[in-house]
Amino acid sequence: MDAIRIEHLSKHWGDVRALDDVSFEVPKGSLTVLLGPSGCGKSTLLRLVAGLDRATSGRITIDDVDVTRLPPHHRRISMVFQFYALFPHLTVAENITFGLRIRKADAKARVDRLQSVASLLGLSSLLERRPSQLSGGQQQRVAMGRAIIAEAPVCLMDEPMSNLDAKLRNEMRAEIHGLQRQLGITMLYVTHDQIEAMSMADQVVLLEAGRGRAAATGRADDRDPAGQGAGRRQHGQRHGLYTRPGSGLRRVG
């Protein structure tokens, strides 16, 4: 079953085609990565799925519901932004539970869910701190906590590790992948880093100049640790479906 289905999606600003007839499916409970260079339309596509921008044409369905024209709060999604978007005057606890307070969730439920999420992300001892008192990795965990606590079935991530150093990115890759598996959520993740994409993803959708070039399924094994096969296809293939059955990437369609 597909959690997200993108059908012939386009977004134009005048003569500029940010996205042009993109189609793919995101299987339920999977981690799908949108991979491509800067300016290829990755973040634009994520914003369309989130409902932050409106598509010029095409269709978006989430759990078999057409959400193409629905506002964000009717799409049952959560989102982690590139720059975390934490409120500097609020504590960690207040940042994480902000959405629940806005939706007037029950106070006891807020506390219970906060304790659960804080324990999951290793933030229990930091709940009274403010963002300025946190490291970059801790700030990212707070942003993830705010998304997770919503208990939405779909989570969108827009290059959430781009501001972290290389060592911390390596640690957070494993952490994000582990959380996604543990919670069973569907994740659509944007990055320009091939290693990041191929080490985390169940499926990689390659974008170039606003068009989908290929979809690859399965994580990179140590025979292609840097995702070099996918990188060659990104620049050399027009379209196709690729799968990695455990011993290298092969074309199946």
Protein backbone atom coordinates (compact mmCIF):
# COMPACT_ATOMS: atom_id res chain seq x y z
CA MET A 1 0.00 0.00 0.00
CA ASP A 2 1.26 3.48 -0.88
CA ALA A 3 1.20 6.17 1.82
CA ILE A 4 1.93 8.93 -0.70
CA ARG A 5 1.24 8.94 -4.42
CA ILE A 6 2.53 11.72 -6.70
CA GLU A 7 0.89 11.79 -10.13
CA HIS A 8 2.11 14.04 -12.96
CA LEU A 9 2.92 16.82 -10.50
CA SER A 10 4.10 20.18 -11.87
CA LYS A 11 4.86 23.56 -10.34
CA HIS A 12 5.53 26.56 -12.57
CA TRP A 13 6.31 30.17 -11.74
CA GLY A 14 5.76 31.94 -15.03
CA ASP A 15 8.21 30.40 -17.50
CA VAL A 16 10.19 28.69 -14.73
CA ARG A 17 9.34 25.01 -14.33
CA ALA A 18 10.41 24.10 -10.81
CA LEU A 19 8.74 20.69 -11.21
CA ASP A 20 7.65 19.17 -14.48
CA ASP A 21 5.41 16.08 -14.64
CA VAL A 22 6.86 14.14 -11.69
CA SER A 23 5.29 10.82 -10.66
CA PHE A 24 6.27 8.26 -8.00
CA GLU A 25 4.86 6.35 -5.00
CA VAL A 26 6.05 6.20 -1.40
CA PRO A 27 5.24 2.81 0.19
CA LYS A 28 3.59 2.87 3.59
CA GLY A 29 6.10 2.66 6.44
CA SER A 30 9.09 3.33 4.18
CA LEU A 31 11.86 5.94 4.20
CA THR A 32 11.96 7.50 0.73
CA VAL A 33 14.66 10.03 -0.15
CA LEU A 34 14.37 12.79 -2.76
CA LEU A 35 17.93 13.15 -4.08
CA GLY A 36 19.34 15.73 -6.45
CA PRO A 37 21.50 18.86 -6.78
CA SER A 38 20.49 22.29 -5.49
CA GLY A 39 17.70 23.84 -7.54
CA CYS A 40 16.36 20.55 -8.91
CA GLY A 41 12.95 20.91 -7.21
CA LYS A 42 13.35 18.68 -4.13
CA SER A 43 12.19 21.21 -1.56
CA THR A 44 9.49 22.50 -3.89
CA LEU A 45 8.08 18.98 -4.15
CA LEU A 46 8.17 18.57 -0.37
CA ARG A 47 6.34 21.89 0.09
CA LEU A 48 3.66 20.74 -2.34
CA VAL A 49 3.18 17.51 -0.38
CA ALA A 50 3.00 19.56 2.83
CA GLY A 51 0.44 21.95 1.36
CA LEU A 52 2.68 25.00 1.82
CA ASP A 53 2.55 25.68 -1.94
CA ARG A 54 -0.12 24.82 -4.51
CA ALA A 55 0.66 22.65 -7.54
CA THR A 56 0.18 24.01 -11.05
CA SER A 57 -1.10 20.60 -12.15
CA GLY A 58 -1.08 16.98 -11.06
CA ARG A 59 -2.36 15.09 -8.05
CA ILE A 60 -1.15 14.24 -4.53
CA THR A 61 -2.79 11.51 -2.45
CA ILE A 62 -1.96 10.58 1.15
CA ASP A 63 -3.43 7.31 2.41
CA ASP A 64 -5.71 7.23 -0.66
CA VAL A 65 -7.13 10.70 0.08
CA ASP A 66 -6.68 13.38 -2.57
CA VAL A 67 -5.01 16.23 -0.66
CA THR A 68 -3.91 18.30 -3.66
CA ARG A 69 -6.10 21.26 -2.67
CA LEU A 70 -6.32 20.63 1.08
CA PRO A 71 -4.61 22.95 3.61
CA PRO A 72 -1.67 21.56 5.61
CA HIS A 73 -3.64 20.91 8.81
CA HIS A 74 -5.96 18.52 6.97
CA ARG A 75 -3.16 16.33 5.55
CA ARG A 76 -2.11 14.40 8.71
CA ILE A 77 1.58 15.14 8.25
CA SER A 78 4.45 16.50 10.33
CA MET A 79 7.53 18.31 9.03
CA VAL A 80 11.14 18.95 10.08
CA PHE A 81 12.65 22.03 8.44
CA GLN A 82 16.24 22.63 7.37
CA PHE A 83 16.75 25.35 9.99
CA TYR A 84 14.70 23.61 12.74
CA ALA A 85 12.35 26.62 13.22
CA LEU A 86 12.56 26.47 17.02
CA PHE A 87 11.08 29.30 19.09
CA PRO A 88 14.05 30.89 20.92
CA HIS A 89 11.94 32.14 23.86
CA LEU A 90 10.37 28.74 24.58
CA THR A 91 11.91 25.84 26.46
CA VAL A 92 12.59 22.47 24.87
CA ALA A 93 9.39 21.11 26.41
CA GLU A 94 7.36 24.07 25.14
CA ASN A 95 8.83 23.78 21.64
CA ILE A 96 8.06 20.07 21.42
CA THR A 97 4.48 20.44 22.64
CA PHE A 98 3.72 23.68 20.78
CA GLY A 99 1.55 22.02 18.14
CA LEU A 100 -0.41 20.05 20.73
CA ARG A 101 -1.12 23.23 22.68
CA ILE A 102 -2.32 25.03 19.56
CA ARG A 103 -4.65 22.10 18.83
CA LYS A 104 -5.80 22.24 22.50
CA ALA A 105 -4.83 18.64 23.22
CA ASP A 106 -5.62 17.32 26.69
CA ALA A 107 -3.04 18.49 29.24
CA LYS A 108 -2.36 15.01 30.64
CA ALA A 109 -1.98 13.60 27.14
CA ARG A 110 0.53 16.36 26.36
CA VAL A 111 2.61 15.51 29.41
CA ASP A 112 2.52 11.77 28.73
CA ARG A 113 3.47 12.17 25.07
CA LEU A 114 6.21 14.67 25.95
CA GLN A 115 7.78 12.26 28.44
CA SER A 116 7.63 9.43 25.90
CA VAL A 117 9.17 11.48 23.06
CA ALA A 118 11.82 13.06 25.30
CA SER A 119 12.90 9.62 26.52
CA LEU A 120 12.99 8.28 22.96
CA LEU A 121 15.23 11.16 21.78
CA GLY A 122 17.42 11.47 24.87
CA LEU A 123 16.05 14.91 25.77
CA SER A 124 14.61 14.21 29.23
CA SER A 125 17.35 16.15 31.03
CA LEU A 126 17.11 19.14 28.66
CA LEU A 127 13.40 19.95 28.78
CA GLU A 128 13.84 23.24 30.67
CA ARG A 129 16.61 24.58 28.45
CA ARG A 130 16.12 27.06 25.62
CA PRO A 131 17.42 26.51 22.05
CA SER A 132 20.41 28.84 22.58
CA GLN A 133 21.63 26.47 25.31
CA LEU A 134 21.63 23.42 23.00
CA SER A 135 24.11 21.99 20.52
CA GLY A 136 23.19 21.62 16.85
CA GLY A 137 22.41 17.93 17.30
CA GLN A 138 20.25 18.62 20.34
CA GLN A 139 18.33 21.31 18.44
CA GLN A 140 17.68 18.85 15.65
CA ARG A 141 16.34 16.31 18.14
CA VAL A 142 13.95 18.94 19.48
CA ALA A 143 12.70 19.61 15.94
CA MET A 144 12.28 15.87 15.43
CA GLY A 145 10.46 15.61 18.76
CA ARG A 146 7.98 18.28 17.71
CA ALA A 147 7.26 16.26 14.57
CA ILE A 148 7.07 12.88 16.31
CA ILE A 149 4.79 14.02 19.13
CA ALA A 150 2.09 14.89 16.60
CA GLU A 151 1.76 11.14 15.89
CA ALA A 152 1.11 11.86 12.23
CA PRO A 153 1.53 8.84 9.92
CA VAL A 154 3.68 10.81 7.44
CA CYS A 155 6.78 12.86 8.31
CA LEU A 156 8.49 15.20 5.83
CA MET A 157 12.15 16.18 6.33
CA ASP A 158 13.78 19.00 4.36
CA GLU A 159 17.60 18.51 4.54
CA PRO A 160 17.52 18.33 8.35
CA MET A 161 21.24 17.52 8.67
CA SER A 162 22.68 20.16 6.35
CA ASN A 163 23.80 22.36 9.26
CA LEU A 164 25.58 19.60 11.19
CA ASP A 165 29.25 18.63 10.97
CA ALA A 166 30.26 15.38 9.27
CA LYS A 167 30.66 13.35 12.49
CA LEU A 168 27.26 14.40 13.82
CA ARG A 169 25.60 13.75 10.45
CA ASN A 170 26.85 10.17 10.52
CA GLU A 171 25.40 9.68 14.00
CA MET A 172 22.08 11.30 13.12
CA ARG A 173 21.62 9.19 9.97
CA ALA A 174 21.50 6.06 12.09
CA GLU A 175 19.32 7.78 14.69
CA ILE A 176 16.74 9.02 12.18
CA HIS A 177 16.60 5.67 10.42
CA GLY A 178 16.22 3.85 13.73
CA LEU A 179 13.40 6.16 14.85
CA GLN A 180 11.59 5.77 11.56
CA ARG A 181 11.74 1.99 11.88
CA GLN A 182 10.78 1.98 15.56
CA LEU A 183 7.77 4.26 15.05
CA GLY A 184 6.69 2.71 11.75
CA ILE A 185 6.02 6.08 10.14
CA THR A 186 6.30 6.93 6.46
CA MET A 187 9.12 9.39 5.86
CA LEU A 188 9.85 11.54 2.80
CA TYR A 189 13.35 12.95 3.17
CA VAL A 190 15.14 15.57 1.05
CA THR A 191 18.93 15.64 0.58
CA HIS A 192 21.61 16.43 -2.00
CA ASP A 193 24.05 13.97 -0.37
CA GLN A 194 24.28 10.65 -2.24
CA ILE A 195 25.94 8.83 0.67
CA GLU A 196 23.21 10.01 3.02
CA ALA A 197 20.50 8.92 0.60
CA MET A 198 21.85 5.47 -0.18
CA SER A 199 22.74 4.63 3.42
CA MET A 200 19.31 5.53 4.82
CA ALA A 201 16.66 4.99 2.20
CA ASP A 202 14.33 2.16 1.30
CA GLN A 203 13.74 4.06 -1.94
CA VAL A 204 15.59 6.91 -3.66
CA VAL A 205 13.84 9.20 -6.13
CA LEU A 206 16.35 11.05 -8.28
CA LEU A 207 15.41 14.56 -9.42
CA GLU A 208 17.18 16.71 -11.98
CA ALA A 209 16.00 20.06 -13.36
CA GLY A 210 12.49 19.54 -11.99
CA ARG A 211 11.99 16.06 -13.46
CA GLY A 212 12.05 12.62 -11.85
CA ARG A 213 14.85 10.58 -13.40
CA ALA A 214 14.74 7.29 -11.52
CA ALA A 215 13.56 5.51 -8.42
CA ALA A 216 15.94 3.14 -6.65
CA THR A 217 14.86 0.81 -3.84
CA GLY A 218 17.01 -0.77 -1.14
CA ARG A 219 19.97 0.45 0.89
CA ALA A 220 23.49 0.60 -0.45
CA ASP A 221 25.63 -2.37 0.46
CA ASP A 222 29.38 -2.20 0.89
CA ARG A 223 29.91 -2.89 -2.82
CA ASP A 224 28.64 0.63 -3.56
CA PRO A 225 29.07 2.46 -0.24
CA ALA A 226 28.96 5.95 -1.67
CA GLY A 227 25.91 5.37 -3.83
CA GLN A 228 28.07 5.86 -6.92
CA GLY A 229 25.83 3.67 -9.05
CA ALA A 230 22.85 5.87 -8.28
CA GLY A 231 24.96 8.95 -8.93
CA ARG A 232 25.85 7.74 -12.42
CA ARG A 233 22.20 7.02 -13.14
CA GLN A 234 21.18 10.45 -11.89
CA HIS A 235 23.23 12.06 -14.63
CA GLY A 236 22.91 9.40 -17.27
CA GLN A 237 19.39 7.95 -17.17
CA ARG A 238 16.19 9.67 -18.21
CA HIS A 239 13.80 7.47 -16.24
CA GLY A 240 13.55 4.03 -14.70
CA LEU A 241 12.98 1.91 -11.62
CA TYR A 242 15.95 0.32 -9.89
CA THR A 243 16.12 -2.16 -7.06
CA ARG A 244 18.92 -3.48 -4.90
CA PRO A 245 18.10 -7.11 -3.98
CA GLY A 246 21.14 -7.39 -1.70
CA SER A 247 23.95 -7.65 -4.21
CA GLY A 248 24.03 -4.46 -6.24
CA LEU A 249 21.64 -2.14 -8.04
CA ARG A 250 19.73 -3.58 -10.99
CA ARG A 251 17.12 -2.16 -13.33
CA VAL A 252 13.66 -3.71 -13.19
CA GLY A 253 11.60 -1.31 -15.28
